[in-house]
Amino acid sequence: MNSVAEIYDNLSAFEGRKKTNAYPIHKTLSIGREKTSVLDWLLNKVHFLSGERVLDVGCGTGYSLSKLAIERGTNGFGISISKKEIELANLFAKKAGIDDQIQYNQQNFDSQISGEYDKIIAIESLKHSDDIAYSLRNIVGNLSDKGMLIIADDFVNKENELVEQHKSLWETPGFISLDNLQKKMSEVKEFNFKTYDLSPMVNKRPYWLLL
């Protein structure tokens, strides 16, 4: 996973140079002529309540947890393998005056995670896992009894050269099909799945939101 850390260290060092607040690092969705982030779209589908604890697995520079803390009053814990992302996330949280609501830690999602959470979000992160089943087992162990796991990611429709290129360039051994992910999740815990196909909003890529 060290090479994954290097990828996101380099990206955040480049993109974060002129940023003064937490910013989304994930895909932009197109809804008509409007552009929106995955999280903004998600906020129209899922109720995040004040006081809820949210775990962000692959938190980037803290955009999701910052927005949730400010707009919904949630408390959050974010993890990233990138040292640079965590540095920026802490900096932005302090600047926004929400560092008492959010904590960040540099770690991968296979390491022990402290606490219990009402909602766990993983946006474009689990595909970096070397062992999806193991990572899911570790993450789900922190979910409350009535909690919700939210995964938004690319999924494979058919193995081909482009898929292999994506796996190689972005270090994504966990880039798998949606059916495969659901099977692995069912082995960990019984879930009531709800899926949204966001592919029409993304440039010709199978992109799903799994709740």
C-alpha atoms as a PDB file:
ATOM      1  CA  MET A   1       0.000   0.000   0.000  1.00  0.00           C
ATOM      2  CA  ASN A   2       3.031   2.289   0.127  1.00  0.00           C
ATOM      3  CA  SER A   3       2.680   3.114  -3.563  1.00  0.00           C
ATOM      4  CA  VAL A   4      -0.959   4.092  -2.944  1.00  0.00           C
ATOM      5  CA  ALA A   5       0.249   6.496  -0.265  1.00  0.00           C
ATOM      6  CA  GLU A   6       2.728   7.961  -2.726  1.00  0.00           C
ATOM      7  CA  ILE A   7       0.010   8.481  -5.340  1.00  0.00           C
ATOM      8  CA  TYR A   8      -2.185  10.464  -2.958  1.00  0.00           C
ATOM      9  CA  ASP A   9       0.719  12.273  -1.313  1.00  0.00           C
ATOM     10  CA  ASN A  10       1.736  13.549  -4.736  1.00  0.00           C
ATOM     11  CA  LEU A  11      -1.810  14.423  -5.778  1.00  0.00           C
ATOM     12  CA  SER A  12      -2.574  16.359  -2.604  1.00  0.00           C
ATOM     13  CA  ALA A  13       0.786  18.131  -2.704  1.00  0.00           C
ATOM     14  CA  PHE A  14      -0.061  19.329  -6.216  1.00  0.00           C
ATOM     15  CA  GLU A  15      -3.798  19.999  -5.857  1.00  0.00           C
ATOM     16  CA  GLY A  16      -3.621  21.390  -2.331  1.00  0.00           C
ATOM     17  CA  ARG A  17      -1.099  24.138  -3.057  1.00  0.00           C
ATOM     18  CA  LYS A  18      -3.712  26.841  -3.581  1.00  0.00           C
ATOM     19  CA  LYS A  19      -6.538  25.348  -1.534  1.00  0.00           C
ATOM     20  CA  THR A  20      -7.655  27.079   1.635  1.00  0.00           C
ATOM     21  CA  ASN A  21     -10.475  24.681   2.550  1.00  0.00           C
ATOM     22  CA  ALA A  22     -11.138  20.951   2.319  1.00  0.00           C
ATOM     23  CA  TYR A  23     -11.937  19.995  -1.260  1.00  0.00           C
ATOM     24  CA  PRO A  24     -13.409  16.913  -2.967  1.00  0.00           C
ATOM     25  CA  ILE A  25     -10.831  14.628  -4.559  1.00  0.00           C
ATOM     26  CA  HIS A  26     -13.370  12.309  -6.169  1.00  0.00           C
ATOM     27  CA  LYS A  27     -15.242  12.346  -9.452  1.00  0.00           C
ATOM     28  CA  THR A  28     -17.551  15.168 -10.429  1.00  0.00           C
ATOM     29  CA  LEU A  29     -21.082  14.101 -11.337  1.00  0.00           C
ATOM     30  CA  SER A  30     -22.988  15.787 -14.156  1.00  0.00           C
ATOM     31  CA  ILE A  31     -26.719  16.321 -13.578  1.00  0.00           C
ATOM     32  CA  GLY A  32     -28.012  18.125 -16.634  1.00  0.00           C
ATOM     33  CA  ARG A  33     -25.839  21.204 -16.888  1.00  0.00           C
ATOM     34  CA  GLU A  34     -25.000  21.147 -13.207  1.00  0.00           C
ATOM     35  CA  LYS A  35     -21.846  19.664 -11.694  1.00  0.00           C
ATOM     36  CA  THR A  36     -21.836  18.179  -8.212  1.00  0.00           C
ATOM     37  CA  SER A  37     -19.679  16.006  -5.981  1.00  0.00           C
ATOM     38  CA  VAL A  38     -20.548  12.449  -4.992  1.00  0.00           C
ATOM     39  CA  LEU A  39     -21.108  13.604  -1.416  1.00  0.00           C
ATOM     40  CA  ASP A  40     -23.461  16.420  -2.427  1.00  0.00           C
ATOM     41  CA  TRP A  41     -25.500  13.914  -4.430  1.00  0.00           C
ATOM     42  CA  LEU A  42     -25.439  11.534  -1.482  1.00  0.00           C
ATOM     43  CA  LEU A  43     -26.812  14.168   0.902  1.00  0.00           C
ATOM     44  CA  ASN A  44     -30.037  14.177  -1.113  1.00  0.00           C
ATOM     45  CA  LYS A  45     -30.421  10.423  -0.633  1.00  0.00           C
ATOM     46  CA  VAL A  46     -29.267   9.723   2.917  1.00  0.00           C
ATOM     47  CA  HIS A  47     -30.209  11.462   6.161  1.00  0.00           C
ATOM     48  CA  PHE A  48     -27.195  12.335   8.283  1.00  0.00           C
ATOM     49  CA  LEU A  49     -28.397  13.414  11.720  1.00  0.00           C
ATOM     50  CA  SER A  50     -26.831  15.830  14.158  1.00  0.00           C
ATOM     51  CA  GLY A  51     -24.663  14.013  16.672  1.00  0.00           C
ATOM     52  CA  GLU A  52     -24.207  10.916  14.524  1.00  0.00           C
ATOM     53  CA  ARG A  53     -20.735   9.436  14.314  1.00  0.00           C
ATOM     54  CA  VAL A  54     -19.422   9.004  10.779  1.00  0.00           C
ATOM     55  CA  LEU A  55     -16.327   7.062   9.719  1.00  0.00           C
ATOM     56  CA  ASP A  56     -14.784   8.067   6.392  1.00  0.00           C
ATOM     57  CA  VAL A  57     -12.589   5.289   5.012  1.00  0.00           C
ATOM     58  CA  GLY A  58     -10.237   7.018   2.595  1.00  0.00           C
ATOM     59  CA  CYS A  59     -11.060  10.545   3.741  1.00  0.00           C
ATOM     60  CA  GLY A  60      -8.857  12.522   1.361  1.00  0.00           C
ATOM     61  CA  THR A  61      -8.363  16.072   2.599  1.00  0.00           C
ATOM     62  CA  GLY A  62     -11.487  15.897   4.752  1.00  0.00           C
ATOM     63  CA  TYR A  63     -14.132  17.332   2.428  1.00  0.00           C
ATOM     64  CA  SER A  64     -16.871  14.831   3.294  1.00  0.00           C
ATOM     65  CA  LEU A  65     -16.478  14.962   7.069  1.00  0.00           C
ATOM     66  CA  SER A  66     -16.066  18.752   7.050  1.00  0.00           C
ATOM     67  CA  LYS A  67     -19.234  19.277   5.032  1.00  0.00           C
ATOM     68  CA  LEU A  68     -21.177  16.843   7.206  1.00  0.00           C
ATOM     69  CA  ALA A  69     -19.940  18.477  10.418  1.00  0.00           C
ATOM     70  CA  ILE A  70     -20.819  21.982   9.236  1.00  0.00           C
ATOM     71  CA  GLU A  71     -24.126  21.247   7.496  1.00  0.00           C
ATOM     72  CA  ARG A  72     -25.444  18.272   9.499  1.00  0.00           C
ATOM     73  CA  GLY A  73     -23.734  18.561  12.874  1.00  0.00           C
ATOM     74  CA  THR A  74     -22.143  15.118  12.727  1.00  0.00           C
ATOM     75  CA  ASN A  75     -18.969  13.970  14.448  1.00  0.00           C
ATOM     76  CA  GLY A  76     -16.404  12.179  12.361  1.00  0.00           C
ATOM     77  CA  PHE A  77     -13.270  10.104  12.187  1.00  0.00           C
ATOM     78  CA  GLY A  78     -11.359   9.939   8.921  1.00  0.00           C
ATOM     79  CA  ILE A  79      -8.529   7.685   7.854  1.00  0.00           C
ATOM     80  CA  SER A  80      -6.158   7.847   4.902  1.00  0.00           C
ATOM     81  CA  ILE A  81      -2.892   6.131   4.102  1.00  0.00           C
ATOM     82  CA  SER A  82      -1.579   9.449   2.776  1.00  0.00           C
ATOM     83  CA  LYS A  83       0.398  11.526   5.271  1.00  0.00           C
ATOM     84  CA  LYS A  84      -0.080  14.653   3.166  1.00  0.00           C
ATOM     85  CA  GLU A  85      -3.858  14.226   2.990  1.00  0.00           C
ATOM     86  CA  ILE A  86      -4.105  13.861   6.763  1.00  0.00           C
ATOM     87  CA  GLU A  87      -1.947  16.955   7.285  1.00  0.00           C
ATOM     88  CA  LEU A  88      -4.230  18.983   5.018  1.00  0.00           C
ATOM     89  CA  ALA A  89      -7.398  17.523   6.560  1.00  0.00           C
ATOM     90  CA  ASN A  90      -6.274  18.534  10.058  1.00  0.00           C
ATOM     91  CA  LEU A  91      -5.247  21.975   8.829  1.00  0.00           C
ATOM     92  CA  PHE A  92      -8.572  22.605   7.092  1.00  0.00           C
ATOM     93  CA  ALA A  93     -10.612  21.319  10.065  1.00  0.00           C
ATOM     94  CA  LYS A  94      -8.794  23.642  12.449  1.00  0.00           C
ATOM     95  CA  LYS A  95      -9.249  26.582  10.107  1.00  0.00           C
ATOM     96  CA  ALA A  96     -12.984  25.857   9.832  1.00  0.00           C
ATOM     97  CA  GLY A  97     -13.291  25.600  13.619  1.00  0.00           C
ATOM     98  CA  ILE A  98     -14.573  22.025  13.538  1.00  0.00           C
ATOM     99  CA  ASP A  99     -11.494  20.208  14.831  1.00  0.00           C
ATOM    100  CA  ASP A 100     -13.453  19.385  17.994  1.00  0.00           C
ATOM    101  CA  GLN A 101     -15.942  17.420  15.853  1.00  0.00           C
ATOM    102  CA  ILE A 102     -13.512  15.587  13.597  1.00  0.00           C
ATOM    103  CA  GLN A 103     -10.400  13.504  14.097  1.00  0.00           C
ATOM    104  CA  TYR A 104      -8.084  12.155  11.414  1.00  0.00           C
ATOM    105  CA  ASN A 105      -5.503   9.404  11.482  1.00  0.00           C
ATOM    106  CA  GLN A 106      -2.956   8.162   8.964  1.00  0.00           C
ATOM    107  CA  GLN A 107      -3.569   4.432   8.563  1.00  0.00           C
ATOM    108  CA  ASN A 108      -4.881   1.872   6.097  1.00  0.00           C
ATOM    109  CA  PHE A 109      -8.312   0.327   6.455  1.00  0.00           C
ATOM    110  CA  ASP A 110      -6.957  -3.070   7.470  1.00  0.00           C
ATOM    111  CA  SER A 111      -5.500  -1.691  10.712  1.00  0.00           C
ATOM    112  CA  GLN A 112      -7.573  -1.532  13.892  1.00  0.00           C
ATOM    113  CA  ILE A 113     -10.071   1.332  13.858  1.00  0.00           C
ATOM    114  CA  SER A 114     -11.358   2.657  17.155  1.00  0.00           C
ATOM    115  CA  GLY A 115     -14.964   3.495  17.945  1.00  0.00           C
ATOM    116  CA  GLU A 116     -18.466   2.629  16.770  1.00  0.00           C
ATOM    117  CA  TYR A 117     -20.157   4.538  13.967  1.00  0.00           C
ATOM    118  CA  ASP A 118     -23.694   5.195  12.778  1.00  0.00           C
ATOM    119  CA  LYS A 119     -22.557   5.549   9.194  1.00  0.00           C
ATOM    120  CA  ILE A 120     -19.414   4.469   7.387  1.00  0.00           C
ATOM    121  CA  ILE A 121     -18.608   5.949   3.995  1.00  0.00           C
ATOM    122  CA  ALA A 122     -16.045   4.664   1.511  1.00  0.00           C
ATOM    123  CA  ILE A 123     -15.836   6.790  -1.628  1.00  0.00           C
ATOM    124  CA  GLU A 124     -13.431   5.494  -4.263  1.00  0.00           C
ATOM    125  CA  SER A 125     -11.227   3.839  -1.664  1.00  0.00           C
ATOM    126  CA  LEU A 126     -11.990   0.132  -1.218  1.00  0.00           C
ATOM    127  CA  LYS A 127     -10.736  -0.666  -4.713  1.00  0.00           C
ATOM    128  CA  HIS A 128      -7.234  -0.072  -3.319  1.00  0.00           C
ATOM    129  CA  SER A 129      -7.639  -3.036  -0.956  1.00  0.00           C
ATOM    130  CA  ASP A 130      -5.427  -6.085  -1.471  1.00  0.00           C
ATOM    131  CA  ASP A 131      -8.097  -8.238   0.182  1.00  0.00           C
ATOM    132  CA  ILE A 132     -11.619  -6.799  -0.028  1.00  0.00           C
ATOM    133  CA  ALA A 133     -13.161  -9.425   2.260  1.00  0.00           C
ATOM    134  CA  TYR A 134     -10.594  -8.768   4.998  1.00  0.00           C
ATOM    135  CA  SER A 135     -10.975  -4.990   4.694  1.00  0.00           C
ATOM    136  CA  LEU A 136     -14.770  -5.212   4.825  1.00  0.00           C
ATOM    137  CA  ARG A 137     -14.641  -7.423   7.902  1.00  0.00           C
ATOM    138  CA  ASN A 138     -12.413  -4.904   9.658  1.00  0.00           C
ATOM    139  CA  ILE A 139     -14.511  -1.890   8.685  1.00  0.00           C
ATOM    140  CA  VAL A 140     -17.921  -3.441   9.369  1.00  0.00           C
ATOM    141  CA  GLY A 141     -16.732  -4.340  12.861  1.00  0.00           C
ATOM    142  CA  ASN A 142     -17.053  -0.634  13.670  1.00  0.00           C
ATOM    143  CA  LEU A 143     -20.629  -0.298  12.409  1.00  0.00           C
ATOM    144  CA  SER A 144     -23.411   0.123  14.968  1.00  0.00           C
ATOM    145  CA  ASP A 145     -26.270  -2.412  15.022  1.00  0.00           C
ATOM    146  CA  LYS A 146     -28.546  -0.210  12.912  1.00  0.00           C
ATOM    147  CA  GLY A 147     -25.718   1.530  11.097  1.00  0.00           C
ATOM    148  CA  MET A 148     -25.310   2.108   7.370  1.00  0.00           C
ATOM    149  CA  LEU A 149     -22.330   1.297   5.159  1.00  0.00           C
ATOM    150  CA  ILE A 150     -22.109   3.493   2.055  1.00  0.00           C
ATOM    151  CA  ILE A 151     -19.775   2.580  -0.803  1.00  0.00           C
ATOM    152  CA  ALA A 152     -19.391   4.692  -3.941  1.00  0.00           C
ATOM    153  CA  ASP A 153     -16.882   3.380  -6.440  1.00  0.00           C
ATOM    154  CA  ASP A 154     -15.980   2.171  -9.909  1.00  0.00           C
ATOM    155  CA  PHE A 155     -16.970  -1.408 -10.637  1.00  0.00           C
ATOM    156  CA  VAL A 156     -15.911  -3.781 -13.383  1.00  0.00           C
ATOM    157  CA  ASN A 157     -18.500  -4.842 -15.963  1.00  0.00           C
ATOM    158  CA  LYS A 158     -16.055  -6.887 -18.011  1.00  0.00           C
ATOM    159  CA  GLU A 159     -12.374  -7.644 -17.618  1.00  0.00           C
ATOM    160  CA  ASN A 160     -10.363  -6.054 -20.409  1.00  0.00           C
ATOM    161  CA  GLU A 161      -7.149  -4.178 -21.105  1.00  0.00           C
ATOM    162  CA  LEU A 162      -8.509  -0.877 -19.762  1.00  0.00           C
ATOM    163  CA  VAL A 163      -9.406  -2.529 -16.463  1.00  0.00           C
ATOM    164  CA  GLU A 164      -5.894  -3.925 -16.154  1.00  0.00           C
ATOM    165  CA  GLN A 165      -4.429  -0.505 -16.941  1.00  0.00           C
ATOM    166  CA  HIS A 166      -6.579   1.065 -14.236  1.00  0.00           C
ATOM    167  CA  LYS A 167      -5.473  -1.544 -11.711  1.00  0.00           C
ATOM    168  CA  SER A 168      -1.838  -0.967 -12.591  1.00  0.00           C
ATOM    169  CA  LEU A 169      -1.818   2.844 -12.752  1.00  0.00           C
ATOM    170  CA  TRP A 170      -3.941   3.440  -9.657  1.00  0.00           C
ATOM    171  CA  GLU A 171      -2.889   0.408  -7.592  1.00  0.00           C
ATOM    172  CA  THR A 172      -6.440  -0.964  -7.408  1.00  0.00           C
ATOM    173  CA  PRO A 173      -6.350  -4.749  -6.922  1.00  0.00           C
ATOM    174  CA  GLY A 174      -9.829  -4.461  -5.389  1.00  0.00           C
ATOM    175  CA  PHE A 175     -11.330  -3.117  -8.629  1.00  0.00           C
ATOM    176  CA  ILE A 176     -14.013  -5.806  -8.986  1.00  0.00           C
ATOM    177  CA  SER A 177     -17.607  -6.251 -10.161  1.00  0.00           C
ATOM    178  CA  LEU A 178     -20.570  -5.045  -8.116  1.00  0.00           C
ATOM    179  CA  ASP A 179     -21.904  -8.610  -7.853  1.00  0.00           C
ATOM    180  CA  ASN A 180     -18.568  -9.800  -6.525  1.00  0.00           C
ATOM    181  CA  LEU A 181     -18.493  -7.053  -3.902  1.00  0.00           C
ATOM    182  CA  GLN A 182     -22.028  -7.841  -2.750  1.00  0.00           C
ATOM    183  CA  LYS A 183     -21.122 -11.513  -2.371  1.00  0.00           C
ATOM    184  CA  LYS A 184     -18.097 -10.630  -0.276  1.00  0.00           C
ATOM    185  CA  MET A 185     -20.198  -8.278   1.856  1.00  0.00           C
ATOM    186  CA  SER A 186     -22.821 -10.979   2.431  1.00  0.00           C
ATOM    187  CA  GLU A 187     -20.091 -13.252   3.777  1.00  0.00           C
ATOM    188  CA  VAL A 188     -19.273 -10.623   6.395  1.00  0.00           C
ATOM    189  CA  LYS A 189     -22.760  -9.532   7.460  1.00  0.00           C
ATOM    190  CA  GLU A 190     -26.370  -9.616   6.303  1.00  0.00           C
ATOM    191  CA  PHE A 191     -27.054  -6.349   4.482  1.00  0.00           C
ATOM    192  CA  ASN A 192     -30.194  -4.890   2.948  1.00  0.00           C
ATOM    193  CA  PHE A 193     -28.671  -3.636  -0.287  1.00  0.00           C
ATOM    194  CA  LYS A 194     -29.832  -0.558  -2.125  1.00  0.00           C
ATOM    195  CA  THR A 195     -27.915   0.398  -5.256  1.00  0.00           C
ATOM    196  CA  TYR A 196     -27.835   3.434  -7.524  1.00  0.00           C
ATOM    197  CA  ASP A 197     -26.201   3.398 -10.933  1.00  0.00           C
ATOM    198  CA  LEU A 198     -24.431   6.737 -11.328  1.00  0.00           C
ATOM    199  CA  SER A 199     -22.738   5.750 -14.592  1.00  0.00           C
ATOM    200  CA  PRO A 200     -24.844   8.166 -16.714  1.00  0.00           C
ATOM    201  CA  MET A 201     -23.443  11.016 -14.607  1.00  0.00           C
ATOM    202  CA  VAL A 202     -19.836   9.919 -15.093  1.00  0.00           C
ATOM    203  CA  ASN A 203     -17.903   9.788 -18.362  1.00  0.00           C
ATOM    204  CA  LYS A 204     -18.582   6.268 -19.698  1.00  0.00           C
ATOM    205  CA  ARG A 205     -17.635   4.373 -16.560  1.00  0.00           C
ATOM    206  CA  PRO A 206     -19.701   1.938 -14.458  1.00  0.00           C
ATOM    207  CA  TYR A 207     -20.048   3.854 -11.210  1.00  0.00           C
ATOM    208  CA  TRP A 208     -22.340   2.726  -8.436  1.00  0.00           C
ATOM    209  CA  LEU A 209     -23.471   3.860  -5.042  1.00  0.00           C
ATOM    210  CA  LEU A 210     -24.107   0.978  -2.670  1.00  0.00           C
ATOM    211  CA  LEU A 211     -26.083   1.575   0.526  1.00  0.00           C
END
